[in-house]
């Protein structure tokens, strides 16, 4: 039953990636995934509207055979993407699972992009650093190194865009320590 379920998910993902420009995350309603600039936009939307099909731990246990303890361990280690829906509740995007296991490379992408919403948004949209290919689909094809490098580059690019230039600031004490006093300058 789990492999049938995964095949259905894969068919839906393939259909979704064939749409231009991956604009319909759910049933053709036109929720655009990529242009969401900040997490504020995603936070205002329901997770299902931008993240695709998601499920809670009960569904995953009953349909994919993933125990709650395993899912919790994977969540803590970043091996799966868990999206908070409110309070302490999390849902898990179904497209990240292959035969009841997380796609290889999710942990490395999560490490490069610690915000789960940003990481998942990046994983499901066309990535410029991957010639417009969909990172989660590439992970399912075991193209882990290529995807991880692109995730690290995307994270660094975002950091560079939003980080103010660094200024070296010295305290007066540190500045004075390196200078000679007037009396030293005039003595011998």
N, C-alpha and C. Protein backbone atom coordinates (compact mmCIF):
# COMPACT_ATOMS: atom_id res chain seq x y z
N UNK A 1 0.82 -1.18 0.00
CA UNK A 1 0.00 0.00 0.00
C UNK A 1 0.87 1.26 0.00
N UNK A 2 1.98 1.22 0.73
CA UNK A 2 2.85 2.40 0.81
C UNK A 2 3.46 2.71 -0.54
N UNK A 3 3.86 1.68 -1.30
CA UNK A 3 4.48 1.96 -2.60
C UNK A 3 3.46 2.53 -3.58
N UNK A 4 2.20 2.09 -3.48
CA UNK A 4 1.14 2.66 -4.32
C UNK A 4 0.95 4.13 -3.98
N UNK A 5 0.94 4.42 -2.71
CA UNK A 5 0.79 5.79 -2.24
C UNK A 5 1.94 6.67 -2.75
N UNK A 6 3.16 6.16 -2.68
CA UNK A 6 4.33 6.91 -3.14
C UNK A 6 4.25 7.12 -4.65
N UNK A 7 3.79 6.12 -5.40
CA UNK A 7 3.65 6.28 -6.85
C UNK A 7 2.65 7.38 -7.18
N UNK A 8 1.55 7.45 -6.42
CA UNK A 8 0.55 8.50 -6.63
C UNK A 8 1.18 9.86 -6.36
N UNK A 9 1.95 9.96 -5.27
CA UNK A 9 2.63 11.23 -4.95
C UNK A 9 3.60 11.62 -6.05
N UNK A 10 4.35 10.66 -6.54
CA UNK A 10 5.33 10.94 -7.60
C UNK A 10 4.63 11.42 -8.86
N UNK A 11 3.51 10.80 -9.20
CA UNK A 11 2.76 11.22 -10.39
C UNK A 11 2.26 12.65 -10.22
N UNK A 12 1.76 12.97 -9.02
CA UNK A 12 1.29 14.33 -8.76
C UNK A 12 2.44 15.34 -8.83
N UNK A 13 3.59 14.97 -8.29
CA UNK A 13 4.74 15.87 -8.33
C UNK A 13 5.20 16.10 -9.76
N UNK A 14 5.21 15.05 -10.56
CA UNK A 14 5.60 15.18 -11.96
C UNK A 14 4.63 16.08 -12.70
N UNK A 15 3.34 15.88 -12.44
CA UNK A 15 2.32 16.72 -13.07
C UNK A 15 2.49 18.18 -12.65
N UNK A 16 2.73 18.38 -11.36
CA UNK A 16 2.89 19.74 -10.84
C UNK A 16 4.13 20.41 -11.44
N UNK A 17 5.23 19.67 -11.58
CA UNK A 17 6.45 20.27 -12.11
C UNK A 17 6.32 20.56 -13.61
N UNK A 18 5.39 19.90 -14.29
CA UNK A 18 5.19 20.16 -15.70
C UNK A 18 4.40 21.44 -15.94
N UNK A 19 3.69 21.90 -14.93
CA UNK A 19 2.94 23.15 -15.06
C UNK A 19 3.89 24.33 -15.09
N UNK A 20 3.49 25.38 -15.75
CA UNK A 20 4.35 26.56 -15.86
C UNK A 20 3.77 27.69 -15.05
N UNK A 21 4.52 28.35 -14.20
CA UNK A 21 5.85 28.05 -13.68
C UNK A 21 5.76 27.40 -12.31
N UNK A 22 5.17 26.25 -12.22
CA UNK A 22 4.92 25.59 -10.96
C UNK A 22 4.02 26.48 -10.12
N UNK A 23 3.02 27.03 -10.76
CA UNK A 23 2.19 28.04 -10.12
C UNK A 23 1.05 27.45 -9.32
N UNK A 24 0.71 26.21 -9.51
CA UNK A 24 -0.44 25.70 -8.80
C UNK A 24 -0.03 24.62 -7.83
N UNK A 25 0.04 24.98 -6.58
CA UNK A 25 0.47 24.04 -5.56
C UNK A 25 -0.64 23.09 -5.18
N UNK A 26 -1.87 23.50 -5.37
CA UNK A 26 -2.99 22.68 -4.93
C UNK A 26 -4.17 22.82 -5.88
N UNK A 27 -4.41 21.84 -6.67
CA UNK A 27 -5.61 21.76 -7.46
C UNK A 27 -5.88 22.93 -8.38
N UNK A 28 -4.86 23.57 -8.90
CA UNK A 28 -5.07 24.62 -9.87
C UNK A 28 -5.58 25.93 -9.30
N UNK A 29 -5.44 26.14 -8.01
CA UNK A 29 -5.97 27.37 -7.42
C UNK A 29 -5.04 28.55 -7.60
N UNK A 30 -3.87 28.35 -8.15
CA UNK A 30 -3.00 29.46 -8.50
C UNK A 30 -2.15 29.99 -7.37
N UNK A 31 -1.90 29.23 -6.34
CA UNK A 31 -1.01 29.70 -5.28
C UNK A 31 0.42 29.60 -5.78
N UNK A 32 1.07 30.70 -6.02
CA UNK A 32 2.41 30.69 -6.59
C UNK A 32 3.43 30.41 -5.51
N UNK A 33 4.24 29.39 -5.71
CA UNK A 33 5.18 28.97 -4.68
C UNK A 33 6.45 29.81 -4.68
N UNK A 34 7.08 30.02 -5.80
CA UNK A 34 8.40 30.66 -5.83
C UNK A 34 8.43 32.13 -5.44
N UNK A 35 7.52 32.99 -5.91
CA UNK A 35 7.69 34.40 -5.61
C UNK A 35 7.48 34.79 -4.16
N UNK A 36 7.16 33.86 -3.30
CA UNK A 36 6.96 34.21 -1.90
C UNK A 36 8.28 34.71 -1.33
N UNK A 37 8.34 35.99 -1.09
CA UNK A 37 9.61 36.62 -0.74
C UNK A 37 10.07 36.27 0.67
N UNK A 38 9.25 36.50 1.65
CA UNK A 38 9.68 36.28 3.02
C UNK A 38 8.82 35.24 3.69
N UNK A 39 9.23 34.83 4.86
CA UNK A 39 8.43 33.83 5.56
C UNK A 39 7.09 34.41 5.97
N UNK A 40 6.97 35.72 6.05
CA UNK A 40 5.71 36.33 6.40
C UNK A 40 4.60 35.96 5.42
N UNK A 41 4.93 35.93 4.12
CA UNK A 41 3.95 35.54 3.11
C UNK A 41 3.49 34.11 3.32
N UNK A 42 4.43 33.22 3.56
CA UNK A 42 4.09 31.82 3.77
C UNK A 42 3.34 31.63 5.08
N UNK A 43 3.69 32.40 6.10
CA UNK A 43 3.02 32.26 7.38
C UNK A 43 1.56 32.65 7.29
N UNK A 44 1.25 33.60 6.41
CA UNK A 44 -0.12 34.08 6.27
C UNK A 44 -0.98 33.07 5.52
N UNK A 45 -0.37 32.16 4.79
CA UNK A 45 -1.11 31.16 4.02
C UNK A 45 -1.18 29.86 4.80
N UNK A 46 -2.15 29.05 4.46
CA UNK A 46 -2.19 27.71 5.02
C UNK A 46 -1.04 26.91 4.43
N UNK A 47 -0.45 26.07 5.23
CA UNK A 47 0.69 25.27 4.77
C UNK A 47 0.32 24.50 3.50
N UNK A 48 -0.86 23.93 3.47
CA UNK A 48 -1.29 23.11 2.33
C UNK A 48 -1.35 23.91 1.04
N UNK A 49 -1.55 25.23 1.16
CA UNK A 49 -1.68 26.07 -0.04
C UNK A 49 -0.36 26.31 -0.74
N UNK A 50 0.74 26.22 -0.04
CA UNK A 50 2.03 26.48 -0.70
C UNK A 50 2.97 25.28 -0.65
N UNK A 51 2.77 24.36 0.30
CA UNK A 51 3.72 23.27 0.48
C UNK A 51 3.34 21.98 -0.23
N UNK A 52 2.17 21.93 -0.84
CA UNK A 52 1.73 20.69 -1.45
C UNK A 52 1.07 19.79 -0.40
N UNK A 53 0.98 18.51 -0.69
CA UNK A 53 0.32 17.58 0.23
C UNK A 53 1.18 17.37 1.47
N UNK A 54 0.55 17.50 2.61
CA UNK A 54 1.22 17.32 3.90
C UNK A 54 0.38 16.36 4.74
N UNK A 55 1.02 15.79 5.76
CA UNK A 55 0.31 14.88 6.65
C UNK A 55 0.91 14.94 8.03
N UNK A 56 0.10 14.61 9.01
CA UNK A 56 0.57 14.53 10.39
C UNK A 56 1.16 13.17 10.69
N UNK A 57 1.64 13.03 11.91
CA UNK A 57 2.32 11.80 12.29
C UNK A 57 1.39 10.59 12.30
N UNK A 58 0.12 10.77 12.62
CA UNK A 58 -0.80 9.64 12.63
C UNK A 58 -0.97 9.07 11.23
N UNK A 59 -1.16 9.93 10.25
CA UNK A 59 -1.30 9.49 8.87
C UNK A 59 -0.04 8.76 8.41
N UNK A 60 1.11 9.33 8.72
CA UNK A 60 2.37 8.71 8.30
C UNK A 60 2.58 7.35 8.94
N UNK A 61 2.16 7.23 10.19
CA UNK A 61 2.29 5.95 10.87
C UNK A 61 1.35 4.92 10.25
N UNK A 62 0.12 5.32 9.99
CA UNK A 62 -0.87 4.37 9.46
C UNK A 62 -0.63 4.00 8.00
N UNK A 63 -0.15 4.95 7.19
CA UNK A 63 -0.05 4.71 5.75
C UNK A 63 1.36 4.39 5.25
N UNK A 64 2.37 4.92 5.92
CA UNK A 64 3.74 4.65 5.47
C UNK A 64 4.52 3.79 6.46
N UNK A 65 3.91 3.51 7.60
CA UNK A 65 4.58 2.67 8.58
C UNK A 65 5.72 3.35 9.32
N UNK A 66 5.70 4.67 9.38
CA UNK A 66 6.75 5.41 10.09
C UNK A 66 6.27 5.66 11.52
N UNK A 67 6.97 5.08 12.47
CA UNK A 67 6.55 5.26 13.87
C UNK A 67 6.75 6.71 14.29
N UNK A 68 5.97 7.12 15.28
CA UNK A 68 6.07 8.49 15.79
C UNK A 68 7.47 8.77 16.35
N UNK A 69 8.05 7.79 17.01
CA UNK A 69 9.38 8.01 17.59
C UNK A 69 10.43 8.20 16.49
N UNK A 70 10.32 7.43 15.42
CA UNK A 70 11.24 7.59 14.30
C UNK A 70 11.05 8.96 13.65
N UNK A 71 9.80 9.34 13.43
CA UNK A 71 9.51 10.63 12.83
C UNK A 71 10.04 11.77 13.70
N UNK A 72 9.86 11.64 15.00
CA UNK A 72 10.35 12.67 15.92
C UNK A 72 11.89 12.74 15.88
N UNK A 73 12.53 11.59 15.84
CA UNK A 73 14.00 11.55 15.75
C UNK A 73 14.47 12.19 14.45
N UNK A 74 13.81 11.86 13.34
CA UNK A 74 14.16 12.46 12.05
C UNK A 74 13.95 13.97 12.08
N UNK A 75 12.87 14.39 12.72
CA UNK A 75 12.58 15.82 12.81
C UNK A 75 13.66 16.55 13.60
N UNK A 76 14.03 16.00 14.75
CA UNK A 76 15.07 16.64 15.59
C UNK A 76 16.41 16.72 14.88
N UNK A 77 16.73 15.72 14.08
CA UNK A 77 18.03 15.70 13.41
C UNK A 77 18.02 16.44 12.07
N UNK A 78 16.84 16.90 11.63
CA UNK A 78 16.75 17.61 10.35
C UNK A 78 16.69 16.68 9.16
N UNK A 79 16.47 15.41 9.38
CA UNK A 79 16.42 14.43 8.31
C UNK A 79 15.14 14.55 7.50
N UNK A 80 14.09 15.13 8.11
CA UNK A 80 12.84 15.43 7.40
C UNK A 80 12.50 16.89 7.64
N UNK A 81 11.71 17.44 6.74
CA UNK A 81 11.21 18.80 6.90
C UNK A 81 9.87 18.71 7.61
N UNK A 82 9.76 19.38 8.74
CA UNK A 82 8.52 19.44 9.52
C UNK A 82 8.08 20.90 9.54
N UNK A 83 6.85 21.14 9.15
CA UNK A 83 6.32 22.50 9.08
C UNK A 83 5.32 22.71 10.22
N UNK A 84 5.56 23.73 11.00
CA UNK A 84 4.69 24.03 12.14
C UNK A 84 3.38 24.61 11.63
N UNK A 85 2.29 24.10 12.17
CA UNK A 85 0.96 24.59 11.76
C UNK A 85 0.29 25.36 12.88
N UNK A 86 0.92 25.46 14.00
CA UNK A 86 0.34 26.18 15.13
C UNK A 86 0.69 25.44 16.40
N UNK A 87 0.89 26.19 17.44
CA UNK A 87 1.24 25.56 18.71
C UNK A 87 2.45 24.66 18.55
N UNK A 88 2.27 23.40 18.94
CA UNK A 88 3.36 22.43 18.82
C UNK A 88 3.11 21.43 17.71
N UNK A 89 2.07 21.66 16.90
CA UNK A 89 1.73 20.72 15.84
C UNK A 89 2.58 20.94 14.60
N UNK A 90 2.99 19.83 14.02
CA UNK A 90 3.78 19.87 12.78
C UNK A 90 3.13 18.95 11.76
N UNK A 91 3.30 19.31 10.51
CA UNK A 91 2.92 18.42 9.41
C UNK A 91 4.17 18.20 8.57
N UNK A 92 4.14 17.14 7.80
CA UNK A 92 5.30 16.73 7.03
C UNK A 92 4.92 16.67 5.54
N UNK A 93 5.61 17.42 4.70
CA UNK A 93 5.33 17.32 3.26
C UNK A 93 5.56 15.89 2.77
N UNK A 94 4.58 15.35 2.10
CA UNK A 94 4.65 13.95 1.68
C UNK A 94 5.65 13.72 0.56
N UNK A 95 5.92 14.73 -0.23
CA UNK A 95 6.83 14.55 -1.36
C UNK A 95 8.26 14.24 -0.94
N UNK A 96 8.59 14.40 0.33
CA UNK A 96 9.96 14.14 0.78
C UNK A 96 10.22 12.67 1.10
N UNK A 97 9.17 11.85 1.05
CA UNK A 97 9.32 10.44 1.42
C UNK A 97 9.38 9.54 0.19
N UNK A 98 10.28 8.57 0.25
CA UNK A 98 10.40 7.53 -0.77
C UNK A 98 10.29 6.20 -0.04
N UNK A 99 9.24 5.47 -0.32
CA UNK A 99 9.02 4.18 0.33
C UNK A 99 9.16 4.25 1.84
N UNK A 100 8.56 5.27 2.44
CA UNK A 100 8.56 5.39 3.90
C UNK A 100 9.85 5.91 4.51
N UNK A 101 10.76 6.39 3.69
CA UNK A 101 12.02 6.95 4.18
C UNK A 101 12.20 8.34 3.59
N UNK A 102 12.91 9.22 4.31
CA UNK A 102 13.18 10.55 3.74
C UNK A 102 14.10 10.45 2.53
N UNK A 103 13.87 11.34 1.57
CA UNK A 103 14.75 11.39 0.41
C UNK A 103 16.17 11.70 0.88
N UNK A 104 17.17 11.11 0.27
CA UNK A 104 18.56 11.41 0.67
C UNK A 104 18.86 12.89 0.39
N UNK A 105 19.59 13.51 1.30
CA UNK A 105 19.99 14.90 1.10
C UNK A 105 19.14 15.92 1.83
N UNK A 106 17.98 15.52 2.33
CA UNK A 106 17.11 16.47 3.05
C UNK A 106 17.87 17.05 4.25
N UNK A 107 18.59 16.20 4.97
CA UNK A 107 19.32 16.66 6.15
C UNK A 107 20.35 17.72 5.78
N UNK A 108 21.07 17.52 4.70
CA UNK A 108 22.09 18.47 4.28
C UNK A 108 21.47 19.80 3.83
N UNK A 109 20.34 19.72 3.12
CA UNK A 109 19.64 20.94 2.71
C UNK A 109 19.13 21.68 3.94
N UNK A 110 18.57 20.94 4.90
CA UNK A 110 18.09 21.55 6.15
C UNK A 110 19.22 22.20 6.92
N UNK A 111 20.40 21.63 6.84
CA UNK A 111 21.56 22.21 7.50
C UNK A 111 21.95 23.53 6.85
N UNK A 112 21.86 23.60 5.53
CA UNK A 112 22.20 24.83 4.82
C UNK A 112 21.12 25.89 5.00
N UNK A 113 19.87 25.44 5.14
CA UNK A 113 18.73 26.35 5.30
C UNK A 113 17.95 25.92 6.53
N UNK A 114 18.31 26.40 7.70
CA UNK A 114 17.69 25.93 8.94
C UNK A 114 16.20 26.25 9.10
N UNK A 115 15.68 27.26 8.39
CA UNK A 115 14.25 27.56 8.46
C UNK A 115 13.51 26.54 7.61
N UNK A 116 12.70 25.66 8.23
CA UNK A 116 12.05 24.59 7.48
C UNK A 116 11.14 25.10 6.35
N UNK A 117 10.46 26.22 6.57
CA UNK A 117 9.58 26.76 5.54
C UNK A 117 10.40 27.23 4.33
N UNK A 118 11.47 27.89 4.59
CA UNK A 118 12.33 28.34 3.48
C UNK A 118 12.95 27.15 2.77
N UNK A 119 13.41 26.17 3.54
CA UNK A 119 14.03 24.99 2.94
C UNK A 119 13.02 24.26 2.04
N UNK A 120 11.80 24.05 2.55
CA UNK A 120 10.82 23.32 1.75
C UNK A 120 10.41 24.12 0.52
N UNK A 121 10.23 25.41 0.69
CA UNK A 121 9.88 26.26 -0.44
C UNK A 121 10.95 26.17 -1.53
N UNK A 122 12.21 26.17 -1.11
CA UNK A 122 13.30 26.04 -2.07
C UNK A 122 13.29 24.66 -2.72
N UNK A 123 13.05 23.62 -1.93
CA UNK A 123 13.08 22.25 -2.45
C UNK A 123 12.01 21.99 -3.51
N UNK A 124 10.86 22.64 -3.41
CA UNK A 124 9.76 22.31 -4.31
C UNK A 124 9.64 23.24 -5.51
N UNK A 125 10.47 24.26 -5.57
CA UNK A 125 10.40 25.20 -6.69
C UNK A 125 11.59 25.06 -7.61
N UNK A 126 11.45 25.59 -8.83
CA UNK A 126 12.59 25.56 -9.75
C UNK A 126 13.75 26.38 -9.18
N UNK A 127 14.92 25.80 -9.14
CA UNK A 127 16.08 26.47 -8.55
C UNK A 127 16.99 27.00 -9.65
N UNK A 128 17.26 28.31 -9.64
CA UNK A 128 18.15 28.88 -10.66
C UNK A 128 19.53 28.21 -10.67
N UNK A 129 20.03 27.84 -9.51
CA UNK A 129 21.34 27.20 -9.42
C UNK A 129 21.36 25.78 -9.95
N UNK A 130 20.17 25.27 -10.29
CA UNK A 130 20.06 23.91 -10.83
C UNK A 130 19.41 23.94 -12.22
N UNK A 131 19.63 25.04 -12.91
CA UNK A 131 19.07 25.22 -14.26
C UNK A 131 17.55 25.09 -14.27
N UNK A 132 16.92 25.55 -13.20
CA UNK A 132 15.46 25.54 -13.13
C UNK A 132 14.85 24.21 -12.75
N UNK A 133 15.68 23.23 -12.46
CA UNK A 133 15.15 21.92 -12.05
C UNK A 133 14.62 21.99 -10.62
N UNK A 134 13.77 21.04 -10.24
CA UNK A 134 13.15 20.98 -8.93
C UNK A 134 14.04 20.17 -8.00
N UNK A 135 14.58 20.79 -6.93
CA UNK A 135 15.52 20.09 -6.05
C UNK A 135 14.98 18.79 -5.44
N UNK A 136 13.73 18.77 -4.99
CA UNK A 136 13.23 17.55 -4.34
C UNK A 136 13.18 16.39 -5.34
N UNK A 137 12.87 16.69 -6.59
CA UNK A 137 12.85 15.64 -7.61
C UNK A 137 14.26 15.13 -7.89
N UNK A 138 15.23 16.03 -7.85
CA UNK A 138 16.62 15.63 -8.05
C UNK A 138 17.10 14.76 -6.89
N UNK A 139 16.69 15.09 -5.66
CA UNK A 139 17.08 14.26 -4.51
C UNK A 139 16.52 12.85 -4.67
N UNK A 140 15.32 12.74 -5.19
CA UNK A 140 14.71 11.42 -5.40
C UNK A 140 15.45 10.64 -6.48
N UNK A 141 16.20 11.34 -7.32
CA UNK A 141 17.02 10.68 -8.35
C UNK A 141 18.44 10.49 -7.86
N UNK A 142 18.66 10.72 -6.57
CA UNK A 142 19.96 10.54 -5.92
C UNK A 142 21.03 11.50 -6.44
N UNK A 143 20.63 12.71 -6.81
CA UNK A 143 21.56 13.74 -7.24
C UNK A 143 21.84 14.67 -6.05
N UNK A 144 22.24 14.07 -4.95
CA UNK A 144 22.36 14.76 -3.67
C UNK A 144 23.44 15.84 -3.69
N UNK A 145 24.62 15.53 -4.15
CA UNK A 145 25.73 16.50 -4.11
C UNK A 145 25.40 17.78 -4.86
N UNK A 146 24.79 17.64 -6.02
CA UNK A 146 24.43 18.80 -6.84
C UNK A 146 23.40 19.68 -6.11
N UNK A 147 22.40 19.04 -5.51
CA UNK A 147 21.34 19.78 -4.80
C UNK A 147 21.90 20.45 -3.55
N UNK A 148 22.71 19.74 -2.80
CA UNK A 148 23.27 20.31 -1.56
C UNK A 148 24.14 21.52 -1.87
N UNK A 149 24.96 21.43 -2.89
CA UNK A 149 25.79 22.56 -3.29
C UNK A 149 24.93 23.76 -3.68
N UNK A 150 23.87 23.52 -4.44
CA UNK A 150 22.97 24.60 -4.84
C UNK A 150 22.26 25.20 -3.62
N UNK A 151 21.88 24.36 -2.65
CA UNK A 151 21.23 24.86 -1.43
C UNK A 151 22.20 25.74 -0.64
N UNK A 152 23.43 25.29 -0.52
CA UNK A 152 24.42 26.09 0.20
C UNK A 152 24.66 27.42 -0.51
N UNK A 153 24.73 27.40 -1.84
CA UNK A 153 24.92 28.63 -2.60
C UNK A 153 23.72 29.56 -2.46
N UNK A 154 22.51 29.00 -2.48
CA UNK A 154 21.30 29.82 -2.32
C UNK A 154 21.26 30.44 -0.94
N UNK A 155 21.65 29.67 0.07
CA UNK A 155 21.66 30.20 1.45
C UNK A 155 22.69 31.31 1.59
N UNK A 156 23.87 31.11 1.00
CA UNK A 156 24.91 32.13 1.07
C UNK A 156 24.49 33.39 0.30
N UNK A 157 23.83 33.21 -0.83
CA UNK A 157 23.37 34.36 -1.62
C UNK A 157 22.34 35.16 -0.83
N UNK A 158 21.45 34.47 -0.15
CA UNK A 158 20.46 35.18 0.66
C UNK A 158 21.14 35.91 1.81
N UNK A 159 22.09 35.26 2.43
CA UNK A 159 22.82 35.88 3.54
C UNK A 159 23.55 37.12 3.06
N UNK A 160 24.17 37.04 1.89
CA UNK A 160 24.91 38.18 1.35
C UNK A 160 23.97 39.33 1.01
N UNK A 161 22.76 39.01 0.53
CA UNK A 161 21.80 40.06 0.18
C UNK A 161 21.29 40.80 1.40
N UNK A 162 21.12 40.10 2.51
CA UNK A 162 20.47 40.70 3.66
C UNK A 162 21.40 41.06 4.80
N UNK A 163 22.67 40.77 4.67
CA UNK A 163 23.61 41.11 5.73
C UNK A 163 24.19 42.49 5.48
N UNK A 164 24.16 43.36 6.49
CA UNK A 164 24.78 44.67 6.31
C UNK A 164 26.29 44.50 6.22
N UNK A 165 26.97 45.44 5.57
CA UNK A 165 28.43 45.34 5.51
C UNK A 165 29.00 45.40 6.92
N UNK A 166 30.03 44.63 7.15
CA UNK A 166 30.61 44.61 8.49
C UNK A 166 31.55 45.78 8.65
N UNK A 167 31.45 46.42 9.77
CA UNK A 167 32.34 47.53 10.10
C UNK A 167 33.14 47.13 11.31
N UNK A 168 34.41 47.39 11.25
CA UNK A 168 35.24 47.09 12.41
C UNK A 168 35.07 48.21 13.41
N UNK A 169 34.62 47.84 14.57
CA UNK A 169 34.38 48.83 15.62
C UNK A 169 35.33 48.51 16.76
N UNK A 170 36.12 49.49 17.12
CA UNK A 170 37.06 49.32 18.21
C UNK A 170 36.57 50.13 19.40
N UNK A 171 36.74 49.57 20.54
CA UNK A 171 36.43 50.35 21.73
C UNK A 171 37.56 51.36 21.91
N UNK A 172 37.27 52.40 22.66
CA UNK A 172 38.27 53.43 22.88
C UNK A 172 39.51 52.83 23.55
N UNK A 173 39.29 51.90 24.46
CA UNK A 173 40.40 51.28 25.18
C UNK A 173 41.30 50.52 24.21
N UNK A 174 40.69 49.73 23.29
CA UNK A 174 41.49 48.97 22.33
C UNK A 174 42.23 49.92 21.39
N UNK A 175 41.59 51.00 21.00
CA UNK A 175 42.21 51.96 20.10
C UNK A 175 43.41 52.63 20.77
N UNK A 176 43.22 52.99 22.02
CA UNK A 176 44.28 53.68 22.75
C UNK A 176 45.45 52.74 23.02
N UNK A 177 45.17 51.45 23.25
CA UNK A 177 46.23 50.50 23.52
C UNK A 177 47.25 50.45 22.39
N UNK A 178 46.80 50.62 21.17
CA UNK A 178 47.70 50.52 20.03
C UNK A 178 48.44 51.81 19.74
N UNK A 179 48.07 52.86 20.40
CA UNK A 179 48.72 54.15 20.15
C UNK A 179 49.73 54.46 21.23
N UNK A 180 50.71 55.24 20.86
CA UNK A 180 51.67 55.71 21.86
C UNK A 180 51.14 57.00 22.44
N UNK A 181 51.42 57.23 23.66
CA UNK A 181 50.99 58.48 24.28
C UNK A 181 51.85 59.63 23.79
N UNK A 182 51.37 60.83 23.98
CA UNK A 182 52.12 62.02 23.55
C UNK A 182 53.51 62.05 24.18
N UNK A 183 53.60 61.65 25.42
CA UNK A 183 54.90 61.68 26.10
C UNK A 183 55.85 60.67 25.47
N UNK A 184 55.33 59.50 24.99
CA UNK A 184 56.17 58.52 24.34
C UNK A 184 56.69 59.04 23.00
N UNK A 185 55.83 59.80 22.29
CA UNK A 185 56.22 60.30 20.98
C UNK A 185 57.38 61.28 21.07
N UNK A 186 57.42 62.03 22.17
CA UNK A 186 58.45 63.06 22.27
C UNK A 186 59.68 62.62 23.04
N UNK A 187 59.61 61.48 23.65
CA UNK A 187 60.80 61.05 24.41
C UNK A 187 61.76 60.32 23.47
N UNK A 188 62.96 60.41 23.78
CA UNK A 188 64.10 59.88 23.17
C UNK A 188 64.16 59.15 21.98
